[in-house]
Structure formats: C-alpha cells, structure tokens
Amino acid sequence: MNAPEAVDVWVVEDNRALRQTLAELIDAETDLRCSLAVPDCERFIDALEAGLTADVVLMDLGLPGLSGLEGIRRVHGMSPTSRVLVLTIHEDDERVFEAIRAGASGYLLKPLPLDQVLDAIRQVVAGAAPINPFIAQRLLSEFAHQVPARSAHDAVGLSSREREILQLLVDGLPLRGIGERLGLSYHTISNHLRNVYAKLHVRSRSAAVARALREGML
C-alpha cells in the first residue's frame, strides 16, 4: 500500500533565519514537505502564476512590498484549495479581522514553539482553524458584544443541514469528525461546506465561524 502523499507547505517569511528554519523543520517531517520558501509576496505570486499550488501557505503579514493580507487575497483567487495559516507578530484587532475576512484558515502569533507550528499545519489540513488563544478570546468577546441585526441564517438561505454543519464547525470539529458525527462522507461534507461559504460570502472555515458568531446565526 502506497504511503499518502506529503502535504506541500509553502513558507512566505521575510526573516531569513526563520524562513530557513521553518523550511528545514517541515522537510524533516515524513508527512510534510516544503517546496517553496520565499521572503516576499511577489515571488509567492510568481509561483502561483506559474501554475504551482500548495496545500498550506504559512504566511507572515509584515512583508516588504505587497502585504501578507494581499497575499491571502491573491491565493484564494488563484488557488482556492490552498489554506493560509498566518504566523505573525501582529495582534491588533484590525489586522486580525482583515486576515480572517480575506480567507485565512488560522492565525498564530510569534514567537511560537516550532512543534506547535507543525501541529497547526496538520490541524489546518484536517479542516480545523487554529487560532492563538489570546486572539480567539478577543474575537469571541468582540462578537459577543455585537447585537444581531437580523435572522441571519434565514437571510442567507442556509438549509437545516448546512446550519447543522456550521454549528459543528463552531464547536471545533474537523471535517472528518463532522462526517462521522452526521454519518456522511468527507466528500458530501465538503460539498455542503462549499455551499455554506458561498452563501455567507466567505472563503475559509475561520471566516464562516466568525460570521456565524458575529451575526447570531446559530
């Protein structure tokens, strides 16, 4: 039986020492590989335009030239199956919310133990949304103070099954866990989730969870 193909991770980080350390760390894992490590979004976008794709992009935000936020927007337009995991020093609310709205699948703060970076990459691949606990607490606090302006799930036309899946996303279950809970295949859950994303006008699990909490959909 053939071993599963390694998850391809790209690193976009302007700090040379950290970039090399992350690339070497990822390559040392049997289930992961790093095929691209670049210091800026321009070279990252060049790779996308050349037709290359990654399973996960580990993205800094404070980059020279184009910002990491723009990089997140570009990857979701050019390679929608790629997941972006932010690893940055920036913890201000505006940048956090903007990254999630742009489609980031997770948000981590530097410095972070390297083994936790690897764990977060695997969580993103499994369909989870790893977020620094400090950031997650602020997100939940922000959403808790916002009063829903309407019956959001009716407004966006979510079906009962889609609301059920969205609730399990909010509860933190990965996609395979949702499938096991509902007795549905991974493919079926993925199709429902694409419909949820389209109706909510979001691009990632974290953005869907954020909107559900913000607008009181569940």
N, C-alpha and C. Protein backbone atom coordinates (compact mmCIF):
# COMPACT_ATOMS: atom_id res chain seq x y z
N MET A 1 0.84 -1.20 0.00
CA MET A 1 0.00 0.00 0.00
C MET A 1 0.88 1.25 0.00
N ASN A 2 0.62 2.18 -0.92
CA ASN A 2 1.42 3.38 -1.03
C ASN A 2 1.15 4.32 0.14
N ALA A 3 2.23 4.97 0.61
CA ALA A 3 2.09 5.96 1.68
C ALA A 3 1.39 7.19 1.12
N PRO A 4 0.58 7.88 1.93
CA PRO A 4 -0.09 9.09 1.45
C PRO A 4 0.92 10.15 1.05
N GLU A 5 0.58 10.94 0.05
CA GLU A 5 1.48 11.98 -0.42
C GLU A 5 1.65 13.04 0.66
N ALA A 6 2.88 13.52 0.80
CA ALA A 6 3.16 14.53 1.83
C ALA A 6 2.42 15.83 1.53
N VAL A 7 1.99 16.50 2.57
CA VAL A 7 1.33 17.80 2.45
C VAL A 7 2.37 18.84 2.03
N ASP A 8 2.07 19.56 0.96
CA ASP A 8 3.00 20.57 0.45
C ASP A 8 2.75 21.90 1.14
N VAL A 9 3.76 22.40 1.83
CA VAL A 9 3.66 23.65 2.59
C VAL A 9 4.61 24.68 1.98
N TRP A 10 4.09 25.87 1.72
CA TRP A 10 4.93 26.99 1.31
C TRP A 10 5.13 27.92 2.49
N VAL A 11 6.31 28.52 2.56
CA VAL A 11 6.62 29.48 3.62
C VAL A 11 6.88 30.84 2.99
N VAL A 12 6.13 31.85 3.43
CA VAL A 12 6.33 33.23 2.99
C VAL A 12 6.70 34.04 4.23
N GLU A 13 7.99 34.29 4.39
CA GLU A 13 8.53 34.89 5.62
C GLU A 13 9.79 35.68 5.27
N ASP A 14 9.83 36.96 5.63
CA ASP A 14 10.97 37.79 5.23
C ASP A 14 12.20 37.61 6.12
N ASN A 15 12.04 37.08 7.32
CA ASN A 15 13.19 36.82 8.18
C ASN A 15 13.91 35.56 7.68
N ARG A 16 15.12 35.76 7.17
CA ARG A 16 15.82 34.66 6.50
C ARG A 16 16.05 33.46 7.43
N ALA A 17 16.52 33.73 8.64
CA ALA A 17 16.82 32.64 9.57
C ALA A 17 15.55 31.85 9.90
N LEU A 18 14.46 32.55 10.17
CA LEU A 18 13.20 31.87 10.50
C LEU A 18 12.67 31.12 9.29
N ARG A 19 12.78 31.73 8.12
CA ARG A 19 12.30 31.08 6.89
C ARG A 19 13.02 29.75 6.66
N GLN A 20 14.35 29.77 6.80
CA GLN A 20 15.13 28.55 6.59
C GLN A 20 14.82 27.51 7.67
N THR A 21 14.68 27.97 8.90
CA THR A 21 14.36 27.05 9.99
C THR A 21 13.02 26.36 9.76
N LEU A 22 12.02 27.14 9.36
CA LEU A 22 10.69 26.57 9.11
C LEU A 22 10.73 25.58 7.95
N ALA A 23 11.43 25.94 6.88
CA ALA A 23 11.51 25.05 5.71
C ALA A 23 12.18 23.73 6.09
N GLU A 24 13.29 23.81 6.83
CA GLU A 24 14.00 22.60 7.24
C GLU A 24 13.16 21.77 8.20
N LEU A 25 12.47 22.43 9.11
CA LEU A 25 11.61 21.74 10.06
C LEU A 25 10.51 20.97 9.34
N ILE A 26 9.87 21.61 8.39
CA ILE A 26 8.79 20.99 7.64
C ILE A 26 9.31 19.81 6.83
N ASP A 27 10.45 20.00 6.16
CA ASP A 27 11.02 18.93 5.33
C ASP A 27 11.46 17.72 6.14
N ALA A 28 11.73 17.92 7.43
CA ALA A 28 12.17 16.81 8.27
C ALA A 28 11.02 15.88 8.67
N GLU A 29 9.78 16.32 8.43
CA GLU A 29 8.61 15.52 8.77
C GLU A 29 8.23 14.60 7.61
N THR A 30 7.86 13.38 7.92
CA THR A 30 7.55 12.42 6.85
C THR A 30 6.25 12.75 6.12
N ASP A 31 5.33 13.44 6.80
CA ASP A 31 4.03 13.73 6.19
C ASP A 31 3.93 15.14 5.62
N LEU A 32 5.03 15.91 5.72
CA LEU A 32 5.04 17.28 5.22
C LEU A 32 6.25 17.51 4.33
N ARG A 33 6.13 18.49 3.44
CA ARG A 33 7.30 18.91 2.67
C ARG A 33 7.16 20.39 2.35
N CYS A 34 8.30 21.05 2.21
CA CYS A 34 8.30 22.47 1.85
C CYS A 34 8.93 22.61 0.48
N SER A 35 8.12 22.95 -0.52
CA SER A 35 8.62 23.07 -1.89
C SER A 35 8.92 24.51 -2.27
N LEU A 36 8.54 25.47 -1.40
CA LEU A 36 8.79 26.87 -1.71
C LEU A 36 8.94 27.65 -0.41
N ALA A 37 10.01 28.43 -0.31
CA ALA A 37 10.23 29.31 0.84
C ALA A 37 10.77 30.62 0.31
N VAL A 38 9.96 31.68 0.40
CA VAL A 38 10.31 32.96 -0.21
C VAL A 38 10.14 34.10 0.80
N PRO A 39 10.85 35.23 0.57
CA PRO A 39 10.82 36.33 1.53
C PRO A 39 9.75 37.38 1.28
N ASP A 40 8.99 37.24 0.20
CA ASP A 40 8.01 38.28 -0.11
C ASP A 40 6.85 37.72 -0.92
N CYS A 41 5.78 38.51 -0.99
CA CYS A 41 4.58 38.07 -1.71
C CYS A 41 4.78 38.06 -3.22
N GLU A 42 5.66 38.92 -3.71
CA GLU A 42 5.87 38.98 -5.15
C GLU A 42 6.34 37.63 -5.70
N ARG A 43 7.32 37.02 -5.04
CA ARG A 43 7.81 35.72 -5.50
C ARG A 43 6.78 34.61 -5.25
N PHE A 44 6.05 34.76 -4.19
CA PHE A 44 4.95 33.83 -3.90
C PHE A 44 3.91 33.88 -5.02
N ILE A 45 3.53 35.07 -5.44
CA ILE A 45 2.54 35.23 -6.51
C ILE A 45 3.10 34.75 -7.84
N ASP A 46 4.39 34.96 -8.08
CA ASP A 46 5.02 34.45 -9.30
C ASP A 46 4.84 32.94 -9.39
N ALA A 47 4.99 32.24 -8.27
CA ALA A 47 4.82 30.79 -8.26
C ALA A 47 3.39 30.40 -8.58
N LEU A 48 2.42 31.14 -8.03
CA LEU A 48 1.02 30.87 -8.34
C LEU A 48 0.74 31.10 -9.82
N GLU A 49 1.28 32.18 -10.36
CA GLU A 49 1.05 32.50 -11.77
C GLU A 49 1.70 31.48 -12.69
N ALA A 50 2.73 30.78 -12.18
CA ALA A 50 3.39 29.73 -12.96
C ALA A 50 2.61 28.42 -12.91
N GLY A 51 1.49 28.43 -12.18
CA GLY A 51 0.64 27.24 -12.11
C GLY A 51 0.94 26.32 -10.95
N LEU A 52 1.84 26.73 -10.05
CA LEU A 52 2.16 25.91 -8.89
C LEU A 52 1.12 26.14 -7.80
N THR A 53 0.90 25.14 -6.97
CA THR A 53 -0.06 25.28 -5.86
C THR A 53 0.50 24.61 -4.62
N ALA A 54 -0.02 25.02 -3.47
CA ALA A 54 0.37 24.43 -2.19
C ALA A 54 -0.88 23.96 -1.46
N ASP A 55 -0.69 23.00 -0.57
CA ASP A 55 -1.80 22.59 0.29
C ASP A 55 -2.00 23.62 1.41
N VAL A 56 -0.88 24.08 1.97
CA VAL A 56 -0.91 25.07 3.06
C VAL A 56 0.14 26.13 2.78
N VAL A 57 -0.22 27.39 3.01
CA VAL A 57 0.73 28.50 2.91
C VAL A 57 0.90 29.09 4.30
N LEU A 58 2.13 29.04 4.82
CA LEU A 58 2.46 29.65 6.10
C LEU A 58 2.90 31.08 5.82
N MET A 59 2.07 32.04 6.21
CA MET A 59 2.21 33.42 5.72
C MET A 59 2.44 34.42 6.85
N ASP A 60 3.53 35.20 6.72
CA ASP A 60 3.71 36.36 7.59
C ASP A 60 2.86 37.50 7.03
N LEU A 61 2.54 38.48 7.85
CA LEU A 61 1.77 39.63 7.36
C LEU A 61 2.65 40.83 7.06
N GLY A 62 3.65 41.08 7.92
CA GLY A 62 4.50 42.25 7.74
C GLY A 62 5.63 41.98 6.78
N LEU A 63 5.33 41.97 5.49
CA LEU A 63 6.30 41.64 4.46
C LEU A 63 6.70 42.88 3.67
N PRO A 64 7.91 42.89 3.10
CA PRO A 64 8.28 44.00 2.22
C PRO A 64 7.46 43.95 0.93
N GLY A 65 7.15 45.11 0.36
CA GLY A 65 6.33 45.12 -0.85
C GLY A 65 4.88 44.82 -0.52
N LEU A 66 4.28 43.92 -1.28
CA LEU A 66 2.89 43.54 -1.03
C LEU A 66 2.75 42.92 0.36
N SER A 67 1.69 43.28 1.06
CA SER A 67 1.49 42.76 2.41
C SER A 67 1.00 41.32 2.38
N GLY A 68 1.13 40.66 3.53
CA GLY A 68 0.60 39.32 3.65
C GLY A 68 -0.91 39.27 3.45
N LEU A 69 -1.61 40.34 3.83
CA LEU A 69 -3.06 40.40 3.61
C LEU A 69 -3.38 40.30 2.14
N GLU A 70 -2.62 41.02 1.32
CA GLU A 70 -2.84 40.94 -0.12
C GLU A 70 -2.49 39.55 -0.63
N GLY A 71 -1.47 38.94 -0.04
CA GLY A 71 -1.11 37.58 -0.42
C GLY A 71 -2.23 36.60 -0.15
N ILE A 72 -2.92 36.77 0.99
CA ILE A 72 -4.05 35.90 1.32
C ILE A 72 -5.16 36.06 0.28
N ARG A 73 -5.44 37.29 -0.08
CA ARG A 73 -6.49 37.54 -1.09
C ARG A 73 -6.11 36.90 -2.43
N ARG A 74 -4.85 37.03 -2.81
CA ARG A 74 -4.41 36.50 -4.10
C ARG A 74 -4.48 34.98 -4.13
N VAL A 75 -4.04 34.33 -3.06
CA VAL A 75 -4.03 32.87 -3.09
C VAL A 75 -5.44 32.31 -3.20
N HIS A 76 -6.41 32.97 -2.58
CA HIS A 76 -7.78 32.45 -2.65
C HIS A 76 -8.40 32.71 -4.01
N GLY A 77 -7.89 33.69 -4.73
CA GLY A 77 -8.37 33.91 -6.09
C GLY A 77 -7.71 33.00 -7.10
N MET A 78 -6.45 32.65 -6.86
CA MET A 78 -5.66 31.89 -7.83
C MET A 78 -5.55 30.40 -7.49
N SER A 79 -5.66 30.06 -6.22
CA SER A 79 -5.55 28.66 -5.79
C SER A 79 -6.51 28.43 -4.63
N PRO A 80 -7.81 28.37 -4.93
CA PRO A 80 -8.84 28.34 -3.87
C PRO A 80 -8.78 27.13 -2.95
N THR A 81 -8.09 26.06 -3.35
CA THR A 81 -8.00 24.89 -2.47
C THR A 81 -6.87 25.03 -1.45
N SER A 82 -6.00 26.01 -1.63
CA SER A 82 -4.90 26.21 -0.68
C SER A 82 -5.43 26.86 0.60
N ARG A 83 -4.89 26.44 1.72
CA ARG A 83 -5.25 27.03 3.01
C ARG A 83 -4.11 27.91 3.50
N VAL A 84 -4.44 29.06 4.05
CA VAL A 84 -3.43 30.00 4.53
C VAL A 84 -3.43 30.02 6.05
N LEU A 85 -2.26 29.79 6.61
CA LEU A 85 -2.07 29.85 8.06
C LEU A 85 -1.15 31.03 8.36
N VAL A 86 -1.69 32.03 9.04
CA VAL A 86 -0.92 33.24 9.36
C VAL A 86 -0.02 32.98 10.57
N LEU A 87 1.25 33.38 10.45
CA LEU A 87 2.20 33.34 11.56
C LEU A 87 2.88 34.69 11.61
N THR A 88 2.56 35.51 12.60
CA THR A 88 2.96 36.91 12.58
C THR A 88 3.13 37.45 14.00
N ILE A 89 3.72 38.65 14.09
CA ILE A 89 3.80 39.35 15.37
C ILE A 89 2.60 40.27 15.58
N HIS A 90 1.82 40.49 14.52
CA HIS A 90 0.75 41.49 14.57
C HIS A 90 -0.49 40.93 15.26
N GLU A 91 -0.91 41.61 16.33
CA GLU A 91 -2.07 41.14 17.09
C GLU A 91 -3.16 42.19 17.22
N ASP A 92 -3.04 43.31 16.48
CA ASP A 92 -4.08 44.33 16.54
C ASP A 92 -5.36 43.82 15.90
N ASP A 93 -6.50 44.21 16.47
CA ASP A 93 -7.79 43.69 16.04
C ASP A 93 -8.03 43.90 14.55
N GLU A 94 -7.69 45.08 14.05
CA GLU A 94 -7.97 45.38 12.65
C GLU A 94 -7.28 44.39 11.72
N ARG A 95 -6.00 44.09 12.00
CA ARG A 95 -5.29 43.18 11.12
C ARG A 95 -5.78 41.75 11.27
N VAL A 96 -6.11 41.35 12.49
CA VAL A 96 -6.64 40.01 12.71
C VAL A 96 -7.94 39.81 11.94
N PHE A 97 -8.88 40.75 12.10
CA PHE A 97 -10.18 40.63 11.43
C PHE A 97 -10.02 40.66 9.92
N GLU A 98 -9.12 41.51 9.44
CA GLU A 98 -8.91 41.62 7.99
C GLU A 98 -8.34 40.32 7.43
N ALA A 99 -7.43 39.69 8.15
CA ALA A 99 -6.86 38.42 7.68
C ALA A 99 -7.92 37.34 7.61
N ILE A 100 -8.79 37.28 8.60
CA ILE A 100 -9.85 36.28 8.61
C ILE A 100 -10.86 36.56 7.49
N ARG A 101 -11.21 37.83 7.31
CA ARG A 101 -12.13 38.17 6.21
C ARG A 101 -11.51 37.84 4.86
N ALA A 102 -10.20 38.00 4.75
CA ALA A 102 -9.52 37.71 3.48
C ALA A 102 -9.48 36.23 3.18
N GLY A 103 -9.66 35.39 4.22
CA GLY A 103 -9.70 33.95 3.99
C GLY A 103 -8.68 33.13 4.73
N ALA A 104 -7.98 33.70 5.71
CA ALA A 104 -7.02 32.92 6.49
C ALA A 104 -7.73 31.79 7.22
N SER A 105 -7.11 30.62 7.23
CA SER A 105 -7.69 29.46 7.91
C SER A 105 -7.24 29.35 9.36
N GLY A 106 -6.24 30.13 9.74
CA GLY A 106 -5.75 30.12 11.11
C GLY A 106 -4.89 31.35 11.36
N TYR A 107 -4.71 31.69 12.63
CA TYR A 107 -3.95 32.91 12.97
C TYR A 107 -3.13 32.63 14.22
N LEU A 108 -1.80 32.62 14.06
CA LEU A 108 -0.89 32.33 15.16
C LEU A 108 0.06 33.49 15.38
N LEU A 109 0.48 33.67 16.63
CA LEU A 109 1.38 34.76 16.98
C LEU A 109 2.79 34.26 17.24
N LYS A 110 3.77 35.01 16.72
CA LYS A 110 5.17 34.76 17.06
C LYS A 110 5.46 35.40 18.42
N PRO A 111 6.42 34.84 19.17
CA PRO A 111 7.11 33.59 18.90
C PRO A 111 6.23 32.40 19.29
N LEU A 112 6.37 31.31 18.54
CA LEU A 112 5.58 30.11 18.80
C LEU A 112 6.52 28.91 18.73
N PRO A 113 6.46 27.99 19.70
CA PRO A 113 7.30 26.80 19.63
C PRO A 113 7.11 26.09 18.29
N LEU A 114 8.21 25.62 17.73
CA LEU A 114 8.17 25.05 16.39
C LEU A 114 7.26 23.82 16.30
N ASP A 115 7.21 23.03 17.37
CA ASP A 115 6.33 21.86 17.31
C ASP A 115 4.87 22.27 17.22
N GLN A 116 4.53 23.44 17.79
CA GLN A 116 3.16 23.93 17.69
C GLN A 116 2.84 24.44 16.28
N VAL A 117 3.86 24.94 15.59
CA VAL A 117 3.66 25.34 14.19
C VAL A 117 3.31 24.10 13.36
N LEU A 118 4.04 23.02 13.56
CA LEU A 118 3.75 21.78 12.84
C LEU A 118 2.36 21.26 13.17
N ASP A 119 1.99 21.30 14.44
CA ASP A 119 0.65 20.86 14.84
C ASP A 119 -0.42 21.69 14.15
N ALA A 120 -0.19 23.01 14.08
CA ALA A 120 -1.18 23.90 13.46
C ALA A 120 -1.32 23.61 11.97
N ILE A 121 -0.22 23.30 11.30
CA ILE A 121 -0.29 22.95 9.87
C ILE A 121 -1.16 21.71 9.69
N ARG A 122 -0.96 20.72 10.52
CA ARG A 122 -1.75 19.49 10.42
C ARG A 122 -3.22 19.74 10.76
N GLN A 123 -3.46 20.63 11.71
CA GLN A 123 -4.85 20.96 12.05
C GLN A 123 -5.56 21.62 10.87
N VAL A 124 -4.87 22.52 10.19
CA VAL A 124 -5.47 23.19 9.03
C VAL A 124 -5.80 22.17 7.95
N VAL A 125 -4.89 21.24 7.71
CA VAL A 125 -5.14 20.20 6.70
C VAL A 125 -6.36 19.36 7.07
N ALA A 126 -6.55 19.13 8.37
CA ALA A 126 -7.68 18.32 8.85
C ALA A 126 -8.99 19.08 8.86
N GLY A 127 -8.94 20.38 8.53
CA GLY A 127 -10.16 21.17 8.48
C GLY A 127 -10.41 22.03 9.70
N ALA A 128 -9.46 22.04 10.65
CA ALA A 128 -9.61 22.88 11.83
C ALA A 128 -9.13 24.30 11.54
N ALA A 129 -9.34 25.18 12.51
CA ALA A 129 -8.94 26.59 12.35
C ALA A 129 -8.13 27.01 13.57
N PRO A 130 -6.84 26.67 13.60
CA PRO A 130 -6.02 27.01 14.76
C PRO A 130 -5.85 28.52 14.92
N ILE A 131 -6.20 29.03 16.07
CA ILE A 131 -6.09 30.45 16.36
C ILE A 131 -5.47 30.61 17.74
N ASN A 132 -4.49 31.51 17.84
CA ASN A 132 -3.87 31.80 19.12
C ASN A 132 -4.95 32.06 20.18
N PRO A 133 -4.87 31.43 21.36
CA PRO A 133 -5.93 31.58 22.37
C PRO A 133 -6.23 33.04 22.73
N PHE A 134 -5.21 33.87 22.80
CA PHE A 134 -5.40 35.28 23.11
C PHE A 134 -6.24 35.96 22.03
N ILE A 135 -5.94 35.64 20.76
CA ILE A 135 -6.69 36.20 19.64
C ILE A 135 -8.12 35.67 19.66
N ALA A 136 -8.28 34.36 19.89
CA ALA A 136 -9.62 33.75 19.90
C ALA A 136 -10.50 34.38 20.97
N GLN A 137 -9.93 34.64 22.14
CA GLN A 137 -10.70 35.25 23.22
C GLN A 137 -11.19 36.64 22.83
N ARG A 138 -10.34 37.41 22.16
CA ARG A 138 -10.74 38.75 21.74
C ARG A 138 -11.79 38.69 20.64
N LEU A 139 -11.66 37.72 19.73
CA LEU A 139 -12.67 37.57 18.68
C LEU A 139 -14.04 37.26 19.29
N LEU A 140 -14.06 36.30 20.20
CA LEU A 140 -15.33 35.93 20.83
C LEU A 140 -15.92 37.08 21.63
N SER A 141 -15.05 37.82 22.32
CA SER A 141 -15.52 38.97 23.09
C SER A 141 -16.13 40.03 22.18
N GLU A 142 -15.47 40.26 21.05
CA GLU A 142 -15.97 41.25 20.09
C GLU A 142 -17.33 40.84 19.55
N PHE A 143 -17.47 39.58 19.17
CA PHE A 143 -18.73 39.12 18.59
C PHE A 143 -19.84 39.07 19.63
N ALA A 144 -19.48 38.77 20.88
CA ALA A 144 -20.48 38.69 21.94
C ALA A 144 -21.13 40.04 22.21
N HIS A 145 -20.42 41.13 21.90
CA HIS A 145 -20.95 42.47 22.17
C HIS A 145 -21.69 43.06 20.98
N GLN A 146 -21.78 42.28 19.91
CA GLN A 146 -22.50 42.76 18.73
C GLN A 146 -23.90 42.16 18.71
N VAL A 147 -24.89 42.97 18.57
CA VAL A 147 -26.28 42.51 18.56
C VAL A 147 -26.67 42.12 17.15
N PRO A 148 -27.17 40.91 16.93
CA PRO A 148 -27.59 40.52 15.58
C PRO A 148 -28.64 41.47 15.04
N ALA A 149 -28.45 41.89 13.80
CA ALA A 149 -29.36 42.86 13.20
C ALA A 149 -30.53 42.18 12.50
N ARG A 150 -30.42 40.85 12.32
CA ARG A 150 -31.47 40.17 11.58
C ARG A 150 -31.38 38.69 11.85
N SER A 151 -32.34 37.95 11.36
CA SER A 151 -32.26 36.50 11.44
C SER A 151 -31.33 36.04 10.34
N ALA A 152 -30.05 35.91 10.68
CA ALA A 152 -29.03 35.78 9.66
C ALA A 152 -29.16 34.50 8.84
N HIS A 153 -29.44 33.36 9.49
CA HIS A 153 -29.48 32.13 8.72
C HIS A 153 -30.63 32.13 7.72
N ASP A 154 -31.76 32.80 8.06
CA ASP A 154 -32.84 32.91 7.09
C ASP A 154 -32.44 33.82 5.94
N ALA A 155 -31.71 34.91 6.28
CA ALA A 155 -31.34 35.88 5.25
C ALA A 155 -30.42 35.27 4.22
N VAL A 156 -29.50 34.42 4.63
CA VAL A 156 -28.56 33.85 3.67
C VAL A 156 -29.07 32.54 3.08
N GLY A 157 -30.19 32.03 3.57
CA GLY A 157 -30.80 30.85 2.98
C GLY A 157 -30.10 29.54 3.29
N LEU A 158 -29.52 29.41 4.48
CA LEU A 158 -28.88 28.15 4.85
C LEU A 158 -29.94 27.08 5.08
N SER A 159 -29.68 25.88 4.56
CA SER A 159 -30.58 24.76 4.82
C SER A 159 -30.34 24.25 6.24
N SER A 160 -31.24 23.38 6.71
CA SER A 160 -31.08 22.83 8.06
C SER A 160 -29.79 22.03 8.16
N ARG A 161 -29.43 21.30 7.11
CA ARG A 161 -28.18 20.53 7.11
C ARG A 161 -26.98 21.46 7.14
N GLU A 162 -27.04 22.54 6.38
CA GLU A 162 -25.93 23.49 6.35
C GLU A 162 -25.76 24.17 7.70
N ARG A 163 -26.88 24.50 8.36
CA ARG A 163 -26.78 25.09 9.70
C ARG A 163 -26.19 24.09 10.69
N GLU A 164 -26.56 22.82 10.52
CA GLU A 164 -26.03 21.78 11.39
C GLU A 164 -24.52 21.67 11.24
N ILE A 165 -24.05 21.70 10.00
CA ILE A 165 -22.61 21.63 9.74
C ILE A 165 -21.91 22.87 10.27
N LEU A 166 -22.53 24.02 10.07
CA LEU A 166 -21.95 25.27 10.57
C LEU A 166 -21.82 25.23 12.09
N GLN A 167 -22.82 24.70 12.78
CA GLN A 167 -22.75 24.59 14.24
C GLN A 167 -21.58 23.70 14.66
N LEU A 168 -21.37 22.61 13.95
CA LEU A 168 -20.26 21.71 14.28
C LEU A 168 -18.92 22.36 13.99
N LEU A 169 -18.87 23.22 12.98
CA LEU A 169 -17.66 24.00 12.73
C LEU A 169 -17.37 24.91 13.91
N VAL A 170 -18.40 25.60 14.38
CA VAL A 170 -18.25 26.49 15.53
C VAL A 170 -17.80 25.69 16.76
N ASP A 171 -18.28 24.46 16.88
CA ASP A 171 -17.90 23.60 18.01
C ASP A 171 -16.46 23.10 17.91
N GLY A 172 -15.83 23.32 16.74
CA GLY A 172 -14.42 22.97 16.59
C GLY A 172 -14.14 21.63 15.97
N LEU A 173 -15.15 20.94 15.43
CA LEU A 173 -14.90 19.63 14.83
C LEU A 173 -14.22 19.78 13.47
N PRO A 174 -13.23 18.92 13.15
CA PRO A 174 -12.67 18.90 11.80
C PRO A 174 -13.68 18.29 10.84
N LEU A 175 -13.42 18.42 9.55
CA LEU A 175 -14.40 17.95 8.55
C LEU A 175 -14.67 16.45 8.68
N ARG A 176 -13.63 15.66 8.89
CA ARG A 176 -13.86 14.22 9.01
C ARG A 176 -14.67 13.91 10.27
N GLY A 177 -14.44 14.67 11.32
CA GLY A 177 -15.23 14.49 12.54
C GLY A 177 -16.69 14.84 12.33
N ILE A 178 -16.94 15.88 11.53
CA ILE A 178 -18.32 16.25 11.20
C ILE A 178 -18.99 15.13 10.41
N GLY A 179 -18.24 14.57 9.46
CA GLY A 179 -18.78 13.47 8.66
C GLY A 179 -19.14 12.27 9.52
N GLU A 180 -18.27 11.94 10.47
CA GLU A 180 -18.54 10.81 11.36
C GLU A 180 -19.75 11.09 12.24
N ARG A 181 -19.86 12.33 12.72
CA ARG A 181 -20.98 12.70 13.59
C ARG A 181 -22.31 12.59 12.84
N LEU A 182 -22.31 13.01 11.57
CA LEU A 182 -23.56 13.05 10.80
C LEU A 182 -23.77 11.82 9.93
N GLY A 183 -22.79 10.93 9.90
CA GLY A 183 -22.92 9.75 9.06
C GLY A 183 -22.84 10.05 7.58
N LEU A 184 -22.04 11.06 7.23
CA LEU A 184 -21.89 11.48 5.83
C LEU A 184 -20.43 11.37 5.42
N SER A 185 -20.20 11.23 4.12
CA SER A 185 -18.83 11.11 3.62
C SER A 185 -18.12 12.46 3.67
N TYR A 186 -16.80 12.40 3.64
CA TYR A 186 -15.99 13.63 3.61
C TYR A 186 -16.35 14.45 2.39
N HIS A 187 -16.57 13.79 1.25
CA HIS A 187 -16.92 14.49 0.01
C HIS A 187 -18.25 15.24 0.16
N THR A 188 -19.23 14.59 0.78
CA THR A 188 -20.54 15.24 0.98
C THR A 188 -20.42 16.44 1.91
N ILE A 189 -19.66 16.29 2.99
CA ILE A 189 -19.46 17.41 3.92
C ILE A 189 -18.76 18.56 3.20
N SER A 190 -17.77 18.25 2.38
CA SER A 190 -17.04 19.30 1.64
C SER A 190 -17.98 20.04 0.70
N ASN A 191 -18.89 19.32 0.05
CA ASN A 191 -19.85 19.98 -0.85
C ASN A 191 -20.78 20.91 -0.08
N HIS A 192 -21.29 20.44 1.05
CA HIS A 192 -22.15 21.29 1.89
C HIS A 192 -21.38 22.53 2.35
N LEU A 193 -20.11 22.33 2.71
CA LEU A 193 -19.32 23.45 3.22
C LEU A 193 -19.06 24.49 2.14
N ARG A 194 -18.86 24.03 0.91
CA ARG A 194 -18.70 24.99 -0.20
C ARG A 194 -19.96 25.83 -0.36
N ASN A 195 -21.13 25.20 -0.20
CA ASN A 195 -22.39 25.95 -0.29
C ASN A 195 -22.51 26.96 0.86
N VAL A 196 -22.08 26.55 2.05
CA VAL A 196 -22.11 27.47 3.20
C VAL A 196 -21.21 28.67 2.93
N TYR A 197 -20.00 28.41 2.45
CA TYR A 197 -19.07 29.51 2.14
C TYR A 197 -19.67 30.46 1.12
N ALA A 198 -20.28 29.89 0.08
CA ALA A 198 -20.86 30.73 -0.98
C ALA A 198 -21.99 31.60 -0.43
N LYS A 199 -22.85 31.02 0.40
CA LYS A 199 -23.99 31.77 0.94
C LYS A 199 -23.56 32.83 1.96
N LEU A 200 -22.48 32.55 2.68
CA LEU A 200 -22.00 33.51 3.67
C LEU A 200 -21.01 34.51 3.08
N HIS A 201 -20.63 34.27 1.82
CA HIS A 201 -19.65 35.13 1.14
C HIS A 201 -18.33 35.15 1.91
N VAL A 202 -17.86 33.96 2.29
CA VAL A 202 -16.57 33.83 2.96
C VAL A 202 -15.74 32.80 2.20
N ARG A 203 -14.46 32.72 2.59
CA ARG A 203 -13.55 31.84 1.87
C ARG A 203 -12.89 30.78 2.74
N SER A 204 -13.17 30.79 4.02
CA SER A 204 -12.48 29.86 4.90
C SER A 204 -13.37 29.48 6.08
N ARG A 205 -12.96 28.41 6.75
CA ARG A 205 -13.68 27.95 7.94
C ARG A 205 -13.69 29.03 9.01
N SER A 206 -12.53 29.65 9.26
CA SER A 206 -12.45 30.66 10.32
C SER A 206 -13.36 31.84 10.03
N ALA A 207 -13.46 32.24 8.76
CA ALA A 207 -14.34 33.35 8.40
C ALA A 207 -15.80 32.96 8.56
N ALA A 208 -16.14 31.71 8.23
CA ALA A 208 -17.52 31.24 8.40
C ALA A 208 -17.90 31.22 9.88
N VAL A 209 -17.00 30.72 10.72
CA VAL A 209 -17.25 30.69 12.16
C VAL A 209 -17.39 32.11 12.70
N ALA A 210 -16.51 33.01 12.24
CA ALA A 210 -16.56 34.40 12.70
C ALA A 210 -17.89 35.05 12.36
N ARG A 211 -18.38 34.83 11.13
CA ARG A 211 -19.65 35.46 10.74
C ARG A 211 -20.81 34.84 11.51
N ALA A 212 -20.76 33.52 11.69
CA ALA A 212 -21.84 32.86 12.43
C ALA A 212 -21.95 33.40 13.85
N LEU A 213 -20.81 33.61 14.49
CA LEU A 213 -20.81 34.15 15.85
C LEU A 213 -21.22 35.61 15.87
N ARG A 214 -20.71 36.37 14.91
CA ARG A 214 -20.97 37.81 14.88
C ARG A 214 -22.44 38.11 14.66
N GLU A 215 -23.09 37.32 13.79
CA GLU A 215 -24.46 37.64 13.38
C GLU A 215 -25.51 36.75 14.06
N GLY A 216 -25.09 35.95 15.01
CA GLY A 216 -26.05 35.14 15.76
C GLY A 216 -26.82 34.17 14.89
N MET A 217 -26.11 33.46 13.99
CA MET A 217 -26.79 32.56 13.06
C MET A 217 -27.27 31.28 13.72
N LEU A 218 -26.67 30.92 14.85
CA LEU A 218 -26.96 29.60 15.42
C LEU A 218 -27.55 29.72 16.81
